[in-house]
Amino acid sequence: MSKFSMDFSKLISQIDSVSTKKNYEKDEALWKLTKDKTGNAAAVIRFLPSKNLDDFPFVRMYKHSFQDPETKRWYIENSLTTIGGQDMISTVNKELWNSGIEENKKISSLRKRKLSYITNILVIKDLGNPENNGKVFKYAFGAKIWDKIVGAAKPDEALGEEPISAFDPINGADFLLKMTYNESTKQFNYDSSKFNSKKPLFDGDESKIEEVMNQLYDIQLELAPDKFKTEEELEKKFLWVTGQEKKSESKAQQKSESDKELDDLAKLSNPEPKPKAKEKKPVELPAMNLNIDDDDDAAFFASLAE
């Protein structure tokens, strides 16, 4: 068994644990298909593991991406629910949906979060941009590609299909990625994408495989705190996009004015006690000299005799 081969049973458990859960700045390392003039695109890629083989070879990311129909402003932000947090838009969406009002449910659907997966890939052949051939990138994909990965790992045994460990350099297979534009739905789809037959990368040449493995990104860093704005920042952005920032400021101003009125009423009903008058201090008279000498006594008594 090659040192680069992954534990297939572990991958199955990772897929199961993710599948059962119900619950930007431009990244130059993030690869995207290059569309042709008709809007279609194709490439041959190879899914790869994470930098640490013991980590999941992918991460799940929830994101909100919508344009408000009235303000025409865009809200494109990673959701804090990805890392077990909560943001204002998720709370508001839940309230709108649970209201049972169809108009509210439509608004909630427009703003709902979208799930994507991020992993390492080797671009084998990029028809739209050959400069990418032979390079390692990060790749974000949606539910359609994810379903194909799960389907390859859990094939119909009755049909004799051999399971493919998509992210394994040895027991994996090249993936034919094809994006086509549907004129009727005005949307892109990946229905024609599929895995080739199982085949070791570079026919099992471990020196070439190791060269690629040394270029892998630590996918778990996609869930680092710096990838998400704070709850307060997201609330401010949401209010701005939906045109509610002025209403919020107006409410704050009204609250301030209301608080002032309440303060004034409180002062009328509970007037401040008047300050006590200062007590007048008694005037201190100079001390009288009660010492009388002998000569004064003789004069005093002499006057009485007269």
Foldseek 3Di string as FASTA:
>chain_A
DDPLFADLVVLLVVLVVVVPDPFDDDDPQEDDADADPQRKFKFKKAFAAFLDRVDGQKAKWKWWWAAAPPVRDIGTFTAPVSVPDHADLVVQLVVLCVVPDPVSPVVSVRGDIFMKMKGKMATCATPNDRVSHRHIGIYIGHDVVSVQQSCQQPDDVVVVRDHANRHGQARHFMKIFIWDADPVVRDIDGVVIHTDPTAHHVNPPVVSVVVRSVNGHRNVCCPPPVRHDDNVVSVCVVCVSNVNPVVVVVVVVVVVVVVVVVVVVVCVVPPDDDDDDDDDDDDDDDDDDPDDDPVVVVVVVVVVVD
